[in-house]
Amino acid sequence: MKYLVGLRVSAKVDQVIASGIKVILNNGRRGFIHWRDFGPLWDLKKNSFTKGQILRLVIVAINEKGEILLSLNRVNESTLVDPTNPFNKSDDFAGTLKCLLKEAEDLFNQFN
């Protein structure tokens, strides 16, 4: 799987450390959530995460070494567009909606 900034992923908590949370992505690749993602309440929040816990995250950066930086707090941020979303570059809403309606109608007609 190719990882891109903005991609939403599920990951399993591997280790909670002073500087953040180390996670394991579905294919075994590792990622990191920096403590700053949680703000000034990190010392209180870090105890709420347990090894094996599944988190829904967004990729916010991939450095030159291929290390993946993730965020829990920004997972719903609209400025981090998921590159796998087929509508992420859609400028023509009416055209996109028309296409979706046609696809839905075709699927519906298959069952009639």
N, C-alpha and C. Protein backbone atom coordinates (compact mmCIF):
# COMPACT_ATOMS: atom_id res chain seq x y z
N MET A 1 0.85 -1.18 0.00
CA MET A 1 0.00 0.00 0.00
C MET A 1 0.89 1.24 0.00
N LYS A 2 0.53 2.19 -0.83
CA LYS A 2 1.27 3.44 -0.87
C LYS A 2 0.61 4.43 0.08
N TYR A 3 1.42 5.02 0.93
CA TYR A 3 0.91 5.98 1.90
C TYR A 3 1.13 7.39 1.39
N LEU A 4 0.07 8.21 1.48
CA LEU A 4 0.11 9.59 1.02
C LEU A 4 -0.46 10.49 2.11
N VAL A 5 0.02 11.73 2.14
CA VAL A 5 -0.51 12.71 3.10
C VAL A 5 -2.00 12.89 2.82
N GLY A 6 -2.79 12.87 3.89
CA GLY A 6 -4.23 13.02 3.79
C GLY A 6 -4.98 11.71 3.85
N LEU A 7 -4.27 10.61 3.66
CA LEU A 7 -4.90 9.29 3.68
C LEU A 7 -5.35 8.95 5.10
N ARG A 8 -6.58 8.49 5.23
CA ARG A 8 -7.08 8.04 6.54
C ARG A 8 -6.75 6.57 6.68
N VAL A 9 -6.22 6.20 7.82
CA VAL A 9 -5.79 4.82 8.07
C VAL A 9 -6.20 4.39 9.48
N SER A 10 -6.27 3.09 9.67
CA SER A 10 -6.44 2.53 11.00
C SER A 10 -5.10 1.99 11.44
N ALA A 11 -4.79 2.16 12.71
CA ALA A 11 -3.52 1.69 13.24
C ALA A 11 -3.72 1.21 14.66
N LYS A 12 -2.85 0.30 15.06
CA LYS A 12 -2.91 -0.29 16.39
C LYS A 12 -1.84 0.35 17.27
N VAL A 13 -2.23 0.77 18.47
CA VAL A 13 -1.27 1.33 19.42
C VAL A 13 -0.25 0.26 19.77
N ASP A 14 1.02 0.61 19.61
CA ASP A 14 2.09 -0.32 19.97
C ASP A 14 2.73 0.08 21.30
N GLN A 15 2.97 1.39 21.44
CA GLN A 15 3.65 1.85 22.65
C GLN A 15 3.35 3.33 22.88
N VAL A 16 3.04 3.67 24.12
CA VAL A 16 2.86 5.06 24.52
C VAL A 16 4.13 5.47 25.25
N ILE A 17 4.78 6.52 24.71
CA ILE A 17 6.03 7.00 25.30
C ILE A 17 5.89 8.49 25.60
N ALA A 18 6.88 9.06 26.24
CA ALA A 18 6.81 10.47 26.63
C ALA A 18 6.61 11.39 25.44
N SER A 19 7.18 11.06 24.29
CA SER A 19 7.10 11.94 23.13
C SER A 19 5.90 11.68 22.23
N GLY A 20 5.10 10.65 22.53
CA GLY A 20 3.92 10.38 21.71
C GLY A 20 3.52 8.93 21.71
N ILE A 21 2.87 8.52 20.63
CA ILE A 21 2.35 7.16 20.52
C ILE A 21 2.93 6.50 19.27
N LYS A 22 3.54 5.35 19.46
CA LYS A 22 4.01 4.55 18.33
C LYS A 22 2.88 3.61 17.94
N VAL A 23 2.60 3.55 16.63
CA VAL A 23 1.51 2.71 16.15
C VAL A 23 2.01 1.79 15.04
N ILE A 24 1.23 0.75 14.80
CA ILE A 24 1.52 -0.18 13.70
C ILE A 24 0.34 -0.13 12.74
N LEU A 25 0.63 0.18 11.48
CA LEU A 25 -0.40 0.23 10.46
C LEU A 25 -0.76 -1.19 10.02
N ASN A 26 -1.82 -1.31 9.25
CA ASN A 26 -2.35 -2.63 8.87
C ASN A 26 -1.33 -3.55 8.22
N ASN A 27 -0.41 -3.02 7.45
CA ASN A 27 0.56 -3.88 6.75
C ASN A 27 1.85 -4.07 7.54
N GLY A 28 1.85 -3.67 8.80
CA GLY A 28 3.03 -3.83 9.64
C GLY A 28 3.95 -2.64 9.67
N ARG A 29 3.69 -1.68 8.80
CA ARG A 29 4.52 -0.47 8.79
C ARG A 29 4.24 0.34 10.05
N ARG A 30 5.24 1.05 10.51
CA ARG A 30 5.11 1.81 11.76
C ARG A 30 4.87 3.29 11.49
N GLY A 31 4.19 3.91 12.44
CA GLY A 31 3.93 5.34 12.37
C GLY A 31 4.02 5.93 13.76
N PHE A 32 3.90 7.26 13.83
CA PHE A 32 4.06 7.95 15.10
C PHE A 32 3.08 9.12 15.20
N ILE A 33 2.48 9.27 16.38
CA ILE A 33 1.65 10.43 16.70
C ILE A 33 2.42 11.23 17.74
N HIS A 34 2.84 12.44 17.39
CA HIS A 34 3.63 13.26 18.30
C HIS A 34 2.74 13.80 19.42
N TRP A 35 3.31 13.98 20.60
CA TRP A 35 2.53 14.45 21.75
C TRP A 35 1.86 15.79 21.48
N ARG A 36 2.44 16.61 20.61
CA ARG A 36 1.87 17.93 20.32
C ARG A 36 0.49 17.82 19.68
N ASP A 37 0.20 16.67 19.07
CA ASP A 37 -1.11 16.46 18.48
C ASP A 37 -2.21 16.55 19.54
N PHE A 38 -1.88 16.30 20.78
CA PHE A 38 -2.84 16.31 21.88
C PHE A 38 -2.81 17.60 22.68
N GLY A 39 -1.85 18.47 22.37
CA GLY A 39 -1.77 19.76 23.04
C GLY A 39 -1.30 19.66 24.48
N PRO A 40 -1.63 20.68 25.27
CA PRO A 40 -1.13 20.75 26.64
C PRO A 40 -1.68 19.66 27.57
N LEU A 41 -2.68 18.93 27.13
CA LEU A 41 -3.27 17.90 27.98
C LEU A 41 -2.65 16.52 27.74
N TRP A 42 -1.53 16.47 27.02
CA TRP A 42 -0.91 15.19 26.70
C TRP A 42 -0.65 14.33 27.94
N ASP A 43 -0.13 14.95 29.00
CA ASP A 43 0.18 14.17 30.21
C ASP A 43 -1.06 13.49 30.79
N LEU A 44 -2.22 14.10 30.63
CA LEU A 44 -3.46 13.48 31.11
C LEU A 44 -4.00 12.47 30.10
N LYS A 45 -3.93 12.79 28.83
CA LYS A 45 -4.52 11.94 27.79
C LYS A 45 -3.73 10.67 27.52
N LYS A 46 -2.41 10.72 27.71
CA LYS A 46 -1.60 9.56 27.31
C LYS A 46 -1.97 8.28 28.07
N ASN A 47 -2.52 8.42 29.24
CA ASN A 47 -2.91 7.24 30.02
C ASN A 47 -4.19 6.58 29.52
N SER A 48 -4.89 7.24 28.60
CA SER A 48 -6.13 6.67 28.08
C SER A 48 -5.91 5.74 26.89
N PHE A 49 -4.66 5.63 26.42
CA PHE A 49 -4.34 4.76 25.29
C PHE A 49 -3.69 3.48 25.78
N THR A 50 -4.11 2.35 25.19
CA THR A 50 -3.56 1.06 25.61
C THR A 50 -3.02 0.30 24.40
N LYS A 51 -2.04 -0.52 24.65
CA LYS A 51 -1.44 -1.34 23.60
C LYS A 51 -2.53 -2.20 22.97
N GLY A 52 -2.55 -2.22 21.64
CA GLY A 52 -3.54 -3.00 20.90
C GLY A 52 -4.78 -2.21 20.52
N GLN A 53 -4.98 -1.05 21.11
CA GLN A 53 -6.13 -0.22 20.80
C GLN A 53 -6.05 0.24 19.34
N ILE A 54 -7.18 0.18 18.63
CA ILE A 54 -7.23 0.61 17.23
C ILE A 54 -7.65 2.07 17.17
N LEU A 55 -6.89 2.86 16.41
CA LEU A 55 -7.18 4.28 16.24
C LEU A 55 -7.40 4.60 14.77
N ARG A 56 -8.30 5.52 14.50
CA ARG A 56 -8.50 6.04 13.14
C ARG A 56 -7.69 7.32 13.05
N LEU A 57 -6.75 7.37 12.09
CA LEU A 57 -5.79 8.46 12.02
C LEU A 57 -5.70 9.01 10.60
N VAL A 58 -5.03 10.15 10.47
CA VAL A 58 -4.75 10.73 9.16
C VAL A 58 -3.24 10.94 9.05
N ILE A 59 -2.70 10.66 7.88
CA ILE A 59 -1.28 10.89 7.65
C ILE A 59 -1.08 12.38 7.40
N VAL A 60 -0.23 13.01 8.21
CA VAL A 60 0.02 14.45 8.07
C VAL A 60 1.38 14.74 7.45
N ALA A 61 2.29 13.79 7.49
CA ALA A 61 3.61 14.00 6.89
C ALA A 61 4.31 12.66 6.71
N ILE A 62 5.16 12.62 5.68
CA ILE A 62 6.05 11.49 5.46
C ILE A 62 7.41 12.11 5.15
N ASN A 63 8.40 11.83 5.99
CA ASN A 63 9.70 12.48 5.78
C ASN A 63 10.53 11.74 4.73
N GLU A 64 11.72 12.27 4.46
CA GLU A 64 12.58 11.70 3.42
C GLU A 64 13.03 10.28 3.73
N LYS A 65 12.96 9.89 4.99
CA LYS A 65 13.31 8.51 5.38
C LYS A 65 12.10 7.58 5.26
N GLY A 66 10.95 8.14 4.92
CA GLY A 66 9.74 7.33 4.80
C GLY A 66 8.98 7.15 6.10
N GLU A 67 9.40 7.87 7.14
CA GLU A 67 8.71 7.77 8.43
C GLU A 67 7.37 8.50 8.35
N ILE A 68 6.35 7.87 8.91
CA ILE A 68 4.99 8.38 8.79
C ILE A 68 4.56 9.07 10.08
N LEU A 69 4.19 10.35 9.97
CA LEU A 69 3.67 11.11 11.10
C LEU A 69 2.15 11.16 10.95
N LEU A 70 1.46 10.79 12.01
CA LEU A 70 0.00 10.70 11.99
C LEU A 70 -0.64 11.66 12.98
N SER A 71 -1.93 11.88 12.80
CA SER A 71 -2.68 12.72 13.73
C SER A 71 -4.02 12.08 14.03
N LEU A 72 -4.38 12.11 15.29
CA LEU A 72 -5.71 11.68 15.72
C LEU A 72 -6.66 12.87 15.72
N ASN A 73 -6.17 14.01 16.16
CA ASN A 73 -7.01 15.20 16.29
C ASN A 73 -7.39 15.82 14.95
N ARG A 74 -6.60 15.56 13.90
CA ARG A 74 -6.87 16.18 12.61
C ARG A 74 -7.55 15.24 11.62
N VAL A 75 -8.03 14.09 12.09
CA VAL A 75 -8.58 13.08 11.18
C VAL A 75 -9.78 13.60 10.38
N ASN A 76 -10.53 14.54 10.91
CA ASN A 76 -11.69 15.09 10.20
C ASN A 76 -11.43 16.46 9.59
N GLU A 77 -10.19 16.87 9.56
CA GLU A 77 -9.84 18.19 9.03
C GLU A 77 -10.00 18.20 7.51
N SER A 78 -10.79 19.12 7.01
CA SER A 78 -11.09 19.16 5.58
C SER A 78 -9.91 19.59 4.72
N THR A 79 -8.92 20.26 5.30
CA THR A 79 -7.77 20.67 4.50
C THR A 79 -6.84 19.51 4.17
N LEU A 80 -6.96 18.41 4.90
CA LEU A 80 -6.18 17.20 4.60
C LEU A 80 -7.05 16.29 3.74
N VAL A 81 -6.99 16.51 2.43
CA VAL A 81 -7.85 15.79 1.50
C VAL A 81 -7.30 14.39 1.28
N ASP A 82 -8.17 13.41 1.45
CA ASP A 82 -7.80 12.01 1.25
C ASP A 82 -7.54 11.77 -0.24
N PRO A 83 -6.31 11.42 -0.62
CA PRO A 83 -5.99 11.25 -2.04
C PRO A 83 -6.69 10.06 -2.68
N THR A 84 -7.25 9.16 -1.89
CA THR A 84 -7.95 8.00 -2.45
C THR A 84 -9.43 8.28 -2.68
N ASN A 85 -9.90 9.43 -2.24
CA ASN A 85 -11.30 9.80 -2.43
C ASN A 85 -11.50 10.20 -3.89
N PRO A 86 -12.39 9.51 -4.62
CA PRO A 86 -12.56 9.82 -6.04
C PRO A 86 -13.12 11.21 -6.30
N PHE A 87 -13.62 11.87 -5.27
CA PHE A 87 -14.20 13.20 -5.46
C PHE A 87 -13.31 14.30 -4.90
N ASN A 88 -12.05 13.99 -4.62
CA ASN A 88 -11.19 14.98 -3.97
C ASN A 88 -10.82 16.14 -4.88
N LYS A 89 -10.94 16.00 -6.19
CA LYS A 89 -10.59 17.10 -7.10
C LYS A 89 -11.80 17.51 -7.93
N SER A 90 -12.95 17.19 -7.45
CA SER A 90 -14.17 17.43 -8.21
C SER A 90 -14.58 18.89 -8.12
N ASP A 91 -14.48 19.60 -9.25
CA ASP A 91 -14.89 21.00 -9.28
C ASP A 91 -16.35 21.15 -9.71
N ASP A 92 -16.82 20.20 -10.51
CA ASP A 92 -18.16 20.26 -11.07
C ASP A 92 -19.10 19.38 -10.25
N PHE A 93 -19.69 19.96 -9.23
CA PHE A 93 -20.57 19.18 -8.35
C PHE A 93 -21.77 18.63 -9.11
N ALA A 94 -22.38 19.44 -9.96
CA ALA A 94 -23.56 18.99 -10.69
C ALA A 94 -23.22 17.80 -11.58
N GLY A 95 -22.09 17.84 -12.25
CA GLY A 95 -21.66 16.74 -13.11
C GLY A 95 -21.39 15.48 -12.31
N THR A 96 -20.74 15.65 -11.18
CA THR A 96 -20.45 14.51 -10.30
C THR A 96 -21.74 13.90 -9.77
N LEU A 97 -22.66 14.75 -9.35
CA LEU A 97 -23.94 14.27 -8.83
C LEU A 97 -24.71 13.53 -9.92
N LYS A 98 -24.72 14.06 -11.13
CA LYS A 98 -25.42 13.42 -12.24
C LYS A 98 -24.84 12.03 -12.50
N CYS A 99 -23.52 11.92 -12.48
CA CYS A 99 -22.85 10.64 -12.69
C CYS A 99 -23.21 9.64 -11.59
N LEU A 100 -23.19 10.10 -10.35
CA LEU A 100 -23.54 9.23 -9.23
C LEU A 100 -24.99 8.75 -9.31
N LEU A 101 -25.88 9.64 -9.67
CA LEU A 101 -27.29 9.27 -9.80
C LEU A 101 -27.48 8.24 -10.91
N LYS A 102 -26.77 8.41 -12.01
CA LYS A 102 -26.85 7.45 -13.12
C LYS A 102 -26.34 6.08 -12.68
N GLU A 103 -25.21 6.05 -11.97
CA GLU A 103 -24.66 4.78 -11.47
C GLU A 103 -25.64 4.11 -10.50
N ALA A 104 -26.24 4.90 -9.62
CA ALA A 104 -27.20 4.36 -8.66
C ALA A 104 -28.43 3.81 -9.38
N GLU A 105 -28.90 4.54 -10.38
CA GLU A 105 -30.06 4.08 -11.15
C GLU A 105 -29.75 2.77 -11.88
N ASP A 106 -28.57 2.67 -12.47
CA ASP A 106 -28.16 1.44 -13.16
C ASP A 106 -28.11 0.27 -12.19
N LEU A 107 -27.55 0.50 -11.00
CA LEU A 107 -27.50 -0.56 -10.00
C LEU A 107 -28.90 -0.97 -9.56
N PHE A 108 -29.74 0.01 -9.35
CA PHE A 108 -31.12 -0.27 -8.94
C PHE A 108 -31.84 -1.09 -9.99
N ASN A 109 -31.65 -0.75 -11.26
CA ASN A 109 -32.31 -1.46 -12.35
C ASN A 109 -31.83 -2.90 -12.49
N GLN A 110 -30.64 -3.19 -12.03
CA GLN A 110 -30.13 -4.55 -12.09
C GLN A 110 -30.93 -5.48 -11.17
N PHE A 111 -31.52 -4.93 -10.14
CA PHE A 111 -32.26 -5.73 -9.17
C PHE A 111 -33.76 -5.79 -9.48
N ASN A 112 -34.19 -5.13 -10.52
CA ASN A 112 -35.62 -5.14 -10.89
C ASN A 112 -35.87 -6.03 -12.08
